[in-house]
Amino acid sequence: MESSYLLKETITFARACNSLVKLGPEAVKNGCKSFVGYRKKFWILRWHKTTCKPLKDVAAKPVMECSNIVAIELIKGKTVKEAVKKSHERADELMDELIYSKEPYASATL
């Protein structure tokens, strides 16, 4: 993580698999104010017809929406805790919607 010093004095959101395993701790050690990322590998289900338009993709949209909330809230000046909490709250709402949805891709998205 030679370049983690570049994140000094920043609040960083990394939508990248395993970013909290090495980069996050190293960045914080080198002066990053806060690092939001993912501890494990993740994947986003996609429907091949809308791969380039994830927010129009019924399978990818819930995941992208929740992830985007973190960045949007940080840009608005919210704290990391507030941004992550809002993302989790929206994820809870979407899971409830998906459980009862008649959308054919809903169960795959869950």
PDB file of N, CA and C in Angstrom:
ATOM      1  N   MET A   1       0.822  -1.170   0.000  1.00  0.00           N
ATOM      2  CA  MET A   1       0.000   0.000   0.000  1.00  0.00           C
ATOM      3  C   MET A   1       0.878   1.249   0.000  1.00  0.00           C
ATOM      4  N   GLU A   2       1.780   1.273  -0.935  1.00  0.00           N
ATOM      5  CA  GLU A   2       2.746   2.371  -1.037  1.00  0.00           C
ATOM      6  C   GLU A   2       2.092   3.730  -1.230  1.00  0.00           C
ATOM      7  N   SER A   3       0.934   3.755  -1.862  1.00  0.00           N
ATOM      8  CA  SER A   3       0.307   5.036  -2.187  1.00  0.00           C
ATOM      9  C   SER A   3      -0.732   5.483  -1.160  1.00  0.00           C
ATOM     10  N   SER A   4      -0.860   4.782  -0.054  1.00  0.00           N
ATOM     11  CA  SER A   4      -1.883   5.139   0.930  1.00  0.00           C
ATOM     12  C   SER A   4      -1.660   6.536   1.507  1.00  0.00           C
ATOM     13  N   TYR A   5      -0.444   7.035   1.462  1.00  0.00           N
ATOM     14  CA  TYR A   5      -0.163   8.387   1.949  1.00  0.00           C
ATOM     15  C   TYR A   5      -0.922   9.449   1.148  1.00  0.00           C
ATOM     16  N   LEU A   6      -1.328   9.112  -0.064  1.00  0.00           N
ATOM     17  CA  LEU A   6      -2.071  10.060  -0.900  1.00  0.00           C
ATOM     18  C   LEU A   6      -3.451  10.382  -0.314  1.00  0.00           C
ATOM     19  N   LEU A   7      -3.919   9.549   0.581  1.00  0.00           N
ATOM     20  CA  LEU A   7      -5.238   9.749   1.190  1.00  0.00           C
ATOM     21  C   LEU A   7      -5.164  10.554   2.487  1.00  0.00           C
ATOM     22  N   LYS A   8      -3.985  11.039   2.829  1.00  0.00           N
ATOM     23  CA  LYS A   8      -3.794  11.837   4.043  1.00  0.00           C
ATOM     24  C   LYS A   8      -4.755  13.023   4.055  1.00  0.00           C
ATOM     25  N   GLU A   9      -5.364  13.251   5.211  1.00  0.00           N
ATOM     26  CA  GLU A   9      -6.280  14.379   5.430  1.00  0.00           C
ATOM     27  C   GLU A   9      -7.583  14.269   4.626  1.00  0.00           C
ATOM     28  N   THR A  10      -7.923  13.097   4.156  1.00  0.00           N
ATOM     29  CA  THR A  10      -9.165  12.924   3.392  1.00  0.00           C
ATOM     30  C   THR A  10     -10.130  12.012   4.131  1.00  0.00           C
ATOM     31  N   ILE A  11     -11.373  12.083   3.718  1.00  0.00           N
ATOM     32  CA  ILE A  11     -12.367  11.072   4.069  1.00  0.00           C
ATOM     33  C   ILE A  11     -12.546  10.300   2.771  1.00  0.00           C
ATOM     34  N   THR A  12     -12.215   9.037   2.784  1.00  0.00           N
ATOM     35  CA  THR A  12     -12.178   8.241   1.561  1.00  0.00           C
ATOM     36  C   THR A  12     -13.264   7.174   1.556  1.00  0.00           C
ATOM     37  N   PHE A  13     -13.941   7.064   0.423  1.00  0.00           N
ATOM     38  CA  PHE A  13     -14.902   5.994   0.198  1.00  0.00           C
ATOM     39  C   PHE A  13     -14.393   5.184  -0.979  1.00  0.00           C
ATOM     40  N   ALA A  14     -14.089   3.914  -0.747  1.00  0.00           N
ATOM     41  CA  ALA A  14     -13.549   3.048  -1.796  1.00  0.00           C
ATOM     42  C   ALA A  14     -14.530   1.918  -2.074  1.00  0.00           C
ATOM     43  N   ARG A  15     -15.153   1.965  -3.242  1.00  0.00           N
ATOM     44  CA  ARG A  15     -16.045   0.874  -3.637  1.00  0.00           C
ATOM     45  C   ARG A  15     -15.175  -0.165  -4.333  1.00  0.00           C
ATOM     46  N   ALA A  16     -14.487  -0.940  -3.492  1.00  0.00           N
ATOM     47  CA  ALA A  16     -13.551  -1.935  -4.010  1.00  0.00           C
ATOM     48  C   ALA A  16     -13.493  -3.115  -3.048  1.00  0.00           C
ATOM     49  N   CYS A  17     -13.480  -4.305  -3.604  1.00  0.00           N
ATOM     50  CA  CYS A  17     -13.391  -5.515  -2.794  1.00  0.00           C
ATOM     51  C   CYS A  17     -12.167  -5.454  -1.881  1.00  0.00           C
ATOM     52  N   ASN A  18     -12.351  -5.908  -0.659  1.00  0.00           N
ATOM     53  CA  ASN A  18     -11.256  -6.045   0.302  1.00  0.00           C
ATOM     54  C   ASN A  18     -10.511  -4.749   0.622  1.00  0.00           C
ATOM     55  N   SER A  19     -11.084  -3.603   0.313  1.00  0.00           N
ATOM     56  CA  SER A  19     -10.360  -2.344   0.520  1.00  0.00           C
ATOM     57  C   SER A  19     -10.100  -2.054   1.999  1.00  0.00           C
ATOM     58  N   LEU A  20     -10.880  -2.666   2.896  1.00  0.00           N
ATOM     59  CA  LEU A  20     -10.653  -2.458   4.330  1.00  0.00           C
ATOM     60  C   LEU A  20      -9.617  -3.417   4.907  1.00  0.00           C
ATOM     61  N   VAL A  21      -9.170  -4.357   4.115  1.00  0.00           N
ATOM     62  CA  VAL A  21      -8.225  -5.342   4.630  1.00  0.00           C
ATOM     63  C   VAL A  21      -6.825  -4.743   4.783  1.00  0.00           C
ATOM     64  N   LYS A  22      -6.332  -4.090   3.746  1.00  0.00           N
ATOM     65  CA  LYS A  22      -4.982  -3.515   3.804  1.00  0.00           C
ATOM     66  C   LYS A  22      -4.989  -2.000   3.582  1.00  0.00           C
ATOM     67  N   LEU A  23      -5.644  -1.555   2.516  1.00  0.00           N
ATOM     68  CA  LEU A  23      -5.589  -0.129   2.175  1.00  0.00           C
ATOM     69  C   LEU A  23      -6.184   0.747   3.265  1.00  0.00           C
ATOM     70  N   GLY A  24      -7.345   0.402   3.768  1.00  0.00           N
ATOM     71  CA  GLY A  24      -8.002   1.219   4.792  1.00  0.00           C
ATOM     72  C   GLY A  24      -7.143   1.436   6.023  1.00  0.00           C
ATOM     73  N   PRO A  25      -6.688   0.360   6.668  1.00  0.00           N
ATOM     74  CA  PRO A  25      -5.854   0.539   7.857  1.00  0.00           C
ATOM     75  C   PRO A  25      -4.552   1.300   7.566  1.00  0.00           C
ATOM     76  N   GLU A  26      -3.954   1.012   6.436  1.00  0.00           N
ATOM     77  CA  GLU A  26      -2.709   1.688   6.076  1.00  0.00           C
ATOM     78  C   GLU A  26      -2.945   3.174   5.825  1.00  0.00           C
ATOM     79  N   ALA A  27      -4.049   3.493   5.151  1.00  0.00           N
ATOM     80  CA  ALA A  27      -4.379   4.894   4.877  1.00  0.00           C
ATOM     81  C   ALA A  27      -4.616   5.658   6.176  1.00  0.00           C
ATOM     82  N   VAL A  28      -5.366   5.064   7.100  1.00  0.00           N
ATOM     83  CA  VAL A  28      -5.636   5.714   8.387  1.00  0.00           C
ATOM     84  C   VAL A  28      -4.333   5.891   9.167  1.00  0.00           C
ATOM     85  N   LYS A  29      -3.488   4.891   9.119  1.00  0.00           N
ATOM     86  CA  LYS A  29      -2.184   4.965   9.788  1.00  0.00           C
ATOM     87  C   LYS A  29      -1.354   6.132   9.225  1.00  0.00           C
ATOM     88  N   ASN A  30      -1.544   6.417   7.938  1.00  0.00           N
ATOM     89  CA  ASN A  30      -0.797   7.493   7.271  1.00  0.00           C
ATOM     90  C   ASN A  30      -1.555   8.817   7.228  1.00  0.00           C
ATOM     91  N   GLY A  31      -2.591   8.967   8.064  1.00  0.00           N
ATOM     92  CA  GLY A  31      -3.235  10.269   8.194  1.00  0.00           C
ATOM     93  C   GLY A  31      -4.572  10.455   7.521  1.00  0.00           C
ATOM     94  N   CYS A  32      -5.134   9.408   6.933  1.00  0.00           N
ATOM     95  CA  CYS A  32      -6.483   9.504   6.359  1.00  0.00           C
ATOM     96  C   CYS A  32      -7.457   9.707   7.520  1.00  0.00           C
ATOM     97  N   LYS A  33      -8.330  10.700   7.422  1.00  0.00           N
ATOM     98  CA  LYS A  33      -9.264  10.998   8.516  1.00  0.00           C
ATOM     99  C   LYS A  33     -10.246   9.859   8.741  1.00  0.00           C
ATOM    100  N   SER A  34     -10.737   9.289   7.658  1.00  0.00           N
ATOM    101  CA  SER A  34     -11.678   8.175   7.755  1.00  0.00           C
ATOM    102  C   SER A  34     -11.677   7.432   6.424  1.00  0.00           C
ATOM    103  N   PHE A  35     -11.823   6.126   6.506  1.00  0.00           N
ATOM    104  CA  PHE A  35     -11.813   5.293   5.304  1.00  0.00           C
ATOM    105  C   PHE A  35     -13.031   4.383   5.339  1.00  0.00           C
ATOM    106  N   VAL A  36     -13.886   4.492   4.332  1.00  0.00           N
ATOM    107  CA  VAL A  36     -15.071   3.650   4.207  1.00  0.00           C
ATOM    108  C   VAL A  36     -14.829   2.725   3.021  1.00  0.00           C
ATOM    109  N   GLY A  37     -14.991   1.449   3.244  1.00  0.00           N
ATOM    110  CA  GLY A  37     -14.758   0.495   2.167  1.00  0.00           C
ATOM    111  C   GLY A  37     -15.420  -0.832   2.470  1.00  0.00           C
ATOM    112  N   TYR A  38     -14.937  -1.866   1.830  1.00  0.00           N
ATOM    113  CA  TYR A  38     -15.517  -3.198   1.960  1.00  0.00           C
ATOM    114  C   TYR A  38     -14.473  -4.164   2.497  1.00  0.00           C
ATOM    115  N   ARG A  39     -14.887  -4.959   3.452  1.00  0.00           N
ATOM    116  CA  ARG A  39     -13.981  -5.901   4.110  1.00  0.00           C
ATOM    117  C   ARG A  39     -13.824  -7.201   3.306  1.00  0.00           C
ATOM    118  N   LYS A  40     -14.829  -7.547   2.522  1.00  0.00           N
ATOM    119  CA  LYS A  40     -14.815  -8.805   1.773  1.00  0.00           C
ATOM    120  C   LYS A  40     -15.025  -8.547   0.285  1.00  0.00           C
ATOM    121  N   LYS A  41     -14.912  -9.622  -0.483  1.00  0.00           N
ATOM    122  CA  LYS A  41     -15.233  -9.541  -1.905  1.00  0.00           C
ATOM    123  C   LYS A  41     -16.737  -9.382  -2.045  1.00  0.00           C
ATOM    124  N   PHE A  42     -17.143  -8.673  -3.061  1.00  0.00           N
ATOM    125  CA  PHE A  42     -18.567  -8.547  -3.328  1.00  0.00           C
ATOM    126  C   PHE A  42     -18.772  -8.556  -4.827  1.00  0.00           C
ATOM    127  N   TRP A  43     -19.986  -8.810  -5.208  1.00  0.00           N
ATOM    128  CA  TRP A  43     -20.323  -8.751  -6.627  1.00  0.00           C
ATOM    129  C   TRP A  43     -21.691  -8.123  -6.753  1.00  0.00           C
ATOM    130  N   ILE A  44     -21.905  -7.544  -7.895  1.00  0.00           N
ATOM    131  CA  ILE A  44     -23.182  -6.899  -8.162  1.00  0.00           C
ATOM    132  C   ILE A  44     -23.833  -7.638  -9.321  1.00  0.00           C
ATOM    133  N   LEU A  45     -24.971  -8.206  -9.036  1.00  0.00           N
ATOM    134  CA  LEU A  45     -25.738  -8.890 -10.068  1.00  0.00           C
ATOM    135  C   LEU A  45     -26.082  -7.905 -11.177  1.00  0.00           C
ATOM    136  N   ARG A  46     -25.972  -8.329 -12.424  1.00  0.00           N
ATOM    137  CA  ARG A  46     -26.297  -7.436 -13.548  1.00  0.00           C
ATOM    138  C   ARG A  46     -27.150  -8.181 -14.548  1.00  0.00           C
ATOM    139  N   TRP A  47     -27.988  -7.425 -15.186  1.00  0.00           N
ATOM    140  CA  TRP A  47     -28.771  -7.933 -16.294  1.00  0.00           C
ATOM    141  C   TRP A  47     -28.040  -7.482 -17.543  1.00  0.00           C
ATOM    142  N   HIS A  48     -27.677  -8.395 -18.429  1.00  0.00           N
ATOM    143  CA  HIS A  48     -26.781  -8.093 -19.541  1.00  0.00           C
ATOM    144  C   HIS A  48     -27.251  -6.935 -20.428  1.00  0.00           C
ATOM    145  N   LYS A  49     -28.542  -6.692 -20.522  1.00  0.00           N
ATOM    146  CA  LYS A  49     -29.042  -5.627 -21.394  1.00  0.00           C
ATOM    147  C   LYS A  49     -28.794  -4.230 -20.828  1.00  0.00           C
ATOM    148  N   THR A  50     -28.537  -4.140 -19.548  1.00  0.00           N
ATOM    149  CA  THR A  50     -28.341  -2.828 -18.927  1.00  0.00           C
ATOM    150  C   THR A  50     -27.021  -2.735 -18.162  1.00  0.00           C
ATOM    151  N   THR A  51     -26.051  -3.527 -18.532  1.00  0.00           N
ATOM    152  CA  THR A  51     -24.773  -3.556 -17.833  1.00  0.00           C
ATOM    153  C   THR A  51     -24.143  -2.168 -17.723  1.00  0.00           C
ATOM    154  N   CYS A  52     -24.255  -1.358 -18.739  1.00  0.00           N
ATOM    155  CA  CYS A  52     -23.649  -0.026 -18.737  1.00  0.00           C
ATOM    156  C   CYS A  52     -24.521   1.028 -18.063  1.00  0.00           C
ATOM    157  N   LYS A  53     -25.686   0.623 -17.596  1.00  0.00           N
ATOM    158  CA  LYS A  53     -26.606   1.551 -16.934  1.00  0.00           C
ATOM    159  C   LYS A  53     -27.100   0.919 -15.632  1.00  0.00           C
ATOM    160  N   PRO A  54     -26.215   0.784 -14.636  1.00  0.00           N
ATOM    161  CA  PRO A  54     -26.577   0.033 -13.436  1.00  0.00           C
ATOM    162  C   PRO A  54     -27.790   0.572 -12.675  1.00  0.00           C
ATOM    163  N   LEU A  55     -28.048   1.869 -12.726  1.00  0.00           N
ATOM    164  CA  LEU A  55     -29.209   2.394 -12.003  1.00  0.00           C
ATOM    165  C   LEU A  55     -30.515   2.151 -12.755  1.00  0.00           C
ATOM    166  N   LYS A  56     -30.422   1.663 -13.990  1.00  0.00           N
ATOM    167  CA  LYS A  56     -31.610   1.255 -14.734  1.00  0.00           C
ATOM    168  C   LYS A  56     -31.746  -0.266 -14.745  1.00  0.00           C
ATOM    169  N   ASP A  57     -30.762  -0.929 -14.189  1.00  0.00           N
ATOM    170  CA  ASP A  57     -30.729  -2.389 -14.129  1.00  0.00           C
ATOM    171  C   ASP A  57     -31.489  -2.840 -12.881  1.00  0.00           C
ATOM    172  N   VAL A  58     -32.589  -3.535 -13.062  1.00  0.00           N
ATOM    173  CA  VAL A  58     -33.422  -3.933 -11.925  1.00  0.00           C
ATOM    174  C   VAL A  58     -32.676  -4.833 -10.937  1.00  0.00           C
ATOM    175  N   ALA A  59     -31.675  -5.539 -11.410  1.00  0.00           N
ATOM    176  CA  ALA A  59     -30.909  -6.421 -10.526  1.00  0.00           C
ATOM    177  C   ALA A  59     -29.811  -5.658  -9.780  1.00  0.00           C
ATOM    178  N   ALA A  60     -29.142  -4.745 -10.449  1.00  0.00           N
ATOM    179  CA  ALA A  60     -28.016  -4.016  -9.848  1.00  0.00           C
ATOM    180  C   ALA A  60     -28.437  -2.782  -9.062  1.00  0.00           C
ATOM    181  N   LYS A  61     -29.561  -2.194  -9.413  1.00  0.00           N
ATOM    182  CA  LYS A  61     -29.965  -0.916  -8.822  1.00  0.00           C
ATOM    183  C   LYS A  61     -29.980  -0.901  -7.296  1.00  0.00           C
ATOM    184  N   PRO A  62     -30.557  -1.880  -6.612  1.00  0.00           N
ATOM    185  CA  PRO A  62     -30.577  -1.806  -5.146  1.00  0.00           C
ATOM    186  C   PRO A  62     -29.179  -1.741  -4.519  1.00  0.00           C
ATOM    187  N   VAL A  63     -28.266  -2.523  -5.039  1.00  0.00           N
ATOM    188  CA  VAL A  63     -26.910  -2.540  -4.500  1.00  0.00           C
ATOM    189  C   VAL A  63     -26.212  -1.210  -4.784  1.00  0.00           C
ATOM    190  N   MET A  64     -26.324  -0.732  -6.005  1.00  0.00           N
ATOM    191  CA  MET A  64     -25.692   0.529  -6.379  1.00  0.00           C
ATOM    192  C   MET A  64     -26.289   1.698  -5.602  1.00  0.00           C
ATOM    193  N   GLU A  65     -27.591   1.687  -5.451  1.00  0.00           N
ATOM    194  CA  GLU A  65     -28.266   2.771  -4.732  1.00  0.00           C
ATOM    195  C   GLU A  65     -27.747   2.872  -3.292  1.00  0.00           C
ATOM    196  N   CYS A  66     -27.680   1.758  -2.613  1.00  0.00           N
ATOM    197  CA  CYS A  66     -27.212   1.770  -1.222  1.00  0.00           C
ATOM    198  C   CYS A  66     -25.754   2.207  -1.121  1.00  0.00           C
ATOM    199  N   SER A  67     -24.942   1.746  -2.035  1.00  0.00           N
ATOM    200  CA  SER A  67     -23.538   2.140  -2.040  1.00  0.00           C
ATOM    201  C   SER A  67     -23.393   3.625  -2.354  1.00  0.00           C
ATOM    202  N   ASN A  68     -24.164   4.114  -3.310  1.00  0.00           N
ATOM    203  CA  ASN A  68     -24.092   5.531  -3.682  1.00  0.00           C
ATOM    204  C   ASN A  68     -24.517   6.453  -2.552  1.00  0.00           C
ATOM    205  N   ILE A  69     -25.416   5.996  -1.701  1.00  0.00           N
ATOM    206  CA  ILE A  69     -25.882   6.827  -0.586  1.00  0.00           C
ATOM    207  C   ILE A  69     -24.702   7.264   0.279  1.00  0.00           C
ATOM    208  N   VAL A  70     -23.754   6.382   0.498  1.00  0.00           N
ATOM    209  CA  VAL A  70     -22.599   6.731   1.325  1.00  0.00           C
ATOM    210  C   VAL A  70     -21.873   7.932   0.724  1.00  0.00           C
ATOM    211  N   ALA A  71     -21.547   7.854  -0.549  1.00  0.00           N
ATOM    212  CA  ALA A  71     -20.827   8.957  -1.196  1.00  0.00           C
ATOM    213  C   ALA A  71     -21.651  10.241  -1.211  1.00  0.00           C
ATOM    214  N   ILE A  72     -22.917  10.130  -1.532  1.00  0.00           N
ATOM    215  CA  ILE A  72     -23.789  11.306  -1.604  1.00  0.00           C
ATOM    216  C   ILE A  72     -23.881  11.996  -0.245  1.00  0.00           C
ATOM    217  N   GLU A  73     -24.066  11.225   0.800  1.00  0.00           N
ATOM    218  CA  GLU A  73     -24.172  11.803   2.145  1.00  0.00           C
ATOM    219  C   GLU A  73     -22.853  12.443   2.585  1.00  0.00           C
ATOM    220  N   LEU A  74     -21.733  11.837   2.238  1.00  0.00           N
ATOM    221  CA  LEU A  74     -20.437  12.440   2.569  1.00  0.00           C
ATOM    222  C   LEU A  74     -20.257  13.769   1.831  1.00  0.00           C
ATOM    223  N   ILE A  75     -20.651  13.802   0.582  1.00  0.00           N
ATOM    224  CA  ILE A  75     -20.554  15.045  -0.195  1.00  0.00           C
ATOM    225  C   ILE A  75     -21.426  16.138   0.422  1.00  0.00           C
ATOM    226  N   LYS A  76     -22.561  15.742   0.977  1.00  0.00           N
ATOM    227  CA  LYS A  76     -23.469  16.698   1.633  1.00  0.00           C
ATOM    228  C   LYS A  76     -22.915  17.196   2.972  1.00  0.00           C
ATOM    229  N   GLY A  77     -21.817  16.613   3.418  1.00  0.00           N
ATOM    230  CA  GLY A  77     -21.218  17.046   4.674  1.00  0.00           C
ATOM    231  C   GLY A  77     -21.599  16.231   5.889  1.00  0.00           C
ATOM    232  N   LYS A  78     -22.280  15.119   5.680  1.00  0.00           N
ATOM    233  CA  LYS A  78     -22.649  14.241   6.793  1.00  0.00           C
ATOM    234  C   LYS A  78     -21.405  13.524   7.307  1.00  0.00           C
ATOM    235  N   THR A  79     -21.485  13.041   8.528  1.00  0.00           N
ATOM    236  CA  THR A  79     -20.367  12.269   9.070  1.00  0.00           C
ATOM    237  C   THR A  79     -20.359  10.881   8.429  1.00  0.00           C
ATOM    238  N   VAL A  80     -19.249  10.193   8.574  1.00  0.00           N
ATOM    239  CA  VAL A  80     -19.158   8.825   8.054  1.00  0.00           C
ATOM    240  C   VAL A  80     -20.218   7.957   8.720  1.00  0.00           C
ATOM    241  N   LYS A  81     -20.376   8.092  10.017  1.00  0.00           N
ATOM    242  CA  LYS A  81     -21.368   7.294  10.743  1.00  0.00           C
ATOM    243  C   LYS A  81     -22.771   7.547  10.201  1.00  0.00           C
ATOM    244  N   GLU A  82     -23.121   8.823   9.969  1.00  0.00           N
ATOM    245  CA  GLU A  82     -24.439   9.159   9.439  1.00  0.00           C
ATOM    246  C   GLU A  82     -24.628   8.597   8.026  1.00  0.00           C
ATOM    247  N   ALA A  83     -23.595   8.703   7.199  1.00  0.00           N
ATOM    248  CA  ALA A  83     -23.676   8.231   5.813  1.00  0.00           C
ATOM    249  C   ALA A  83     -23.866   6.717   5.752  1.00  0.00           C
ATOM    250  N   VAL A  84     -23.098   5.992   6.538  1.00  0.00           N
ATOM    251  CA  VAL A  84     -23.196   4.539   6.544  1.00  0.00           C
ATOM    252  C   VAL A  84     -24.544   4.111   7.128  1.00  0.00           C
ATOM    253  N   LYS A  85     -24.992   4.795   8.169  1.00  0.00           N
ATOM    254  CA  LYS A  85     -26.286   4.473   8.771  1.00  0.00           C
ATOM    255  C   LYS A  85     -27.412   4.659   7.761  1.00  0.00           C
ATOM    256  N   LYS A  86     -27.378   5.754   7.010  1.00  0.00           N
ATOM    257  CA  LYS A  86     -28.428   6.000   6.018  1.00  0.00           C
ATOM    258  C   LYS A  86     -28.402   4.913   4.937  1.00  0.00           C
ATOM    259  N   SER A  87     -27.222   4.495   4.531  1.00  0.00           N
ATOM    260  CA  SER A  87     -27.095   3.425   3.543  1.00  0.00           C
ATOM    261  C   SER A  87     -27.693   2.126   4.080  1.00  0.00           C
ATOM    262  N   HIS A  88     -27.398   1.801   5.320  1.00  0.00           N
ATOM    263  CA  HIS A  88     -27.930   0.579   5.934  1.00  0.00           C
ATOM    264  C   HIS A  88     -29.448   0.642   6.069  1.00  0.00           C
ATOM    265  N   GLU A  89     -29.964   1.810   6.427  1.00  0.00           N
ATOM    266  CA  GLU A  89     -31.419   1.967   6.543  1.00  0.00           C
ATOM    267  C   GLU A  89     -32.099   1.751   5.195  1.00  0.00           C
ATOM    268  N   ARG A  90     -31.500   2.302   4.145  1.00  0.00           N
ATOM    269  CA  ARG A  90     -32.077   2.123   2.804  1.00  0.00           C
ATOM    270  C   ARG A  90     -31.975   0.660   2.382  1.00  0.00           C
ATOM    271  N   ALA A  91     -30.885   0.008   2.724  1.00  0.00           N
ATOM    272  CA  ALA A  91     -30.736  -1.418   2.400  1.00  0.00           C
ATOM    273  C   ALA A  91     -31.830  -2.233   3.082  1.00  0.00           C
ATOM    274  N   ASP A  92     -32.128  -1.911   4.334  1.00  0.00           N
ATOM    275  CA  ASP A  92     -33.203  -2.606   5.043  1.00  0.00           C
ATOM    276  C   ASP A  92     -34.537  -2.416   4.327  1.00  0.00           C
ATOM    277  N   GLU A  93     -34.821  -1.166   3.907  1.00  0.00           N
ATOM    278  CA  GLU A  93     -36.071  -0.879   3.196  1.00  0.00           C
ATOM    279  C   GLU A  93     -36.145  -1.666   1.887  1.00  0.00           C
ATOM    280  N   LEU A  94     -35.043  -1.663   1.147  1.00  0.00           N
ATOM    281  CA  LEU A  94     -35.016  -2.358  -0.141  1.00  0.00           C
ATOM    282  C   LEU A  94     -35.162  -3.866   0.035  1.00  0.00           C
ATOM    283  N   MET A  95     -34.565  -4.416   1.079  1.00  0.00           N
ATOM    284  CA  MET A  95     -34.703  -5.860   1.313  1.00  0.00           C
ATOM    285  C   MET A  95     -36.163  -6.216   1.568  1.00  0.00           C
ATOM    286  N   ASP A  96     -36.847  -5.387   2.350  1.00  0.00           N
ATOM    287  CA  ASP A  96     -38.277  -5.624   2.578  1.00  0.00           C
ATOM    288  C   ASP A  96     -39.050  -5.562   1.263  1.00  0.00           C
ATOM    289  N   GLU A  97     -38.739  -4.564   0.443  1.00  0.00           N
ATOM    290  CA  GLU A  97     -39.418  -4.428  -0.848  1.00  0.00           C
ATOM    291  C   GLU A  97     -39.140  -5.634  -1.743  1.00  0.00           C
ATOM    292  N   LEU A  98     -37.888  -6.074  -1.776  1.00  0.00           N
ATOM    293  CA  LEU A  98     -37.503  -7.193  -2.634  1.00  0.00           C
ATOM    294  C   LEU A  98     -38.136  -8.511  -2.187  1.00  0.00           C
ATOM    295  N   ILE A  99     -38.292  -8.684  -0.896  1.00  0.00           N
ATOM    296  CA  ILE A  99     -38.892  -9.923  -0.383  1.00  0.00           C
ATOM    297  C   ILE A  99     -40.305 -10.104  -0.927  1.00  0.00           C
ATOM    298  N   TYR A 100     -41.046  -9.004  -1.021  1.00  0.00           N
ATOM    299  CA  TYR A 100     -42.448  -9.078  -1.446  1.00  0.00           C
ATOM    300  C   TYR A 100     -42.662  -8.680  -2.905  1.00  0.00           C
ATOM    301  N   SER A 101     -41.582  -8.450  -3.618  1.00  0.00           N
ATOM    302  CA  SER A 101     -41.672  -7.999  -5.002  1.00  0.00           C
ATOM    303  C   SER A 101     -42.089  -9.119  -5.957  1.00  0.00           C
ATOM    304  N   LYS A 102     -42.785  -8.742  -6.981  1.00  0.00           N
ATOM    305  CA  LYS A 102     -43.153  -9.683  -8.043  1.00  0.00           C
ATOM    306  C   LYS A 102     -42.138  -9.606  -9.196  1.00  0.00           C
ATOM    307  N   GLU A 103     -41.166  -8.703  -9.063  1.00  0.00           N
ATOM    308  CA  GLU A 103     -40.095  -8.551 -10.045  1.00  0.00           C
ATOM    309  C   GLU A 103     -39.306  -9.859 -10.127  1.00  0.00           C
ATOM    310  N   PRO A 104     -39.142 -10.420 -11.334  1.00  0.00           N
ATOM    311  CA  PRO A 104     -38.447 -11.719 -11.446  1.00  0.00           C
ATOM    312  C   PRO A 104     -36.995 -11.722 -10.964  1.00  0.00           C
ATOM    313  N   TYR A 105     -36.306 -10.573 -11.003  1.00  0.00           N
ATOM    314  CA  TYR A 105     -34.912 -10.520 -10.584  1.00  0.00           C
ATOM    315  C   TYR A 105     -34.766 -10.193  -9.101  1.00  0.00           C
ATOM    316  N   ALA A 106     -35.838  -9.933  -8.396  1.00  0.00           N
ATOM    317  CA  ALA A 106     -35.765  -9.508  -6.996  1.00  0.00           C
ATOM    318  C   ALA A 106     -35.083 -10.546  -6.112  1.00  0.00           C
ATOM    319  N   SER A 107     -35.454 -11.796  -6.251  1.00  0.00           N
ATOM    320  CA  SER A 107     -34.865 -12.801  -5.371  1.00  0.00           C
ATOM    321  C   SER A 107     -33.375 -12.979  -5.662  1.00  0.00           C
ATOM    322  N   ALA A 108     -32.961 -12.826  -6.889  1.00  0.00           N
ATOM    323  CA  ALA A 108     -31.535 -12.930  -7.232  1.00  0.00           C
ATOM    324  C   ALA A 108     -30.764 -11.771  -6.614  1.00  0.00           C
ATOM    325  N   THR A 109     -31.370 -10.586  -6.585  1.00  0.00           N
ATOM    326  CA  THR A 109     -30.717  -9.432  -6.012  1.00  0.00           C
ATOM    327  C   THR A 109     -30.521  -9.608  -4.512  1.00  0.00           C
ATOM    328  N   LEU A 110     -31.497 -10.218  -3.846  1.00  0.00           N
ATOM    329  CA  LEU A 110     -31.346 -10.458  -2.405  1.00  0.00           C
ATOM    330  C   LEU A 110     -30.149 -11.330  -2.143  1.00  0.00           C
TER     331      LEU A 110
END
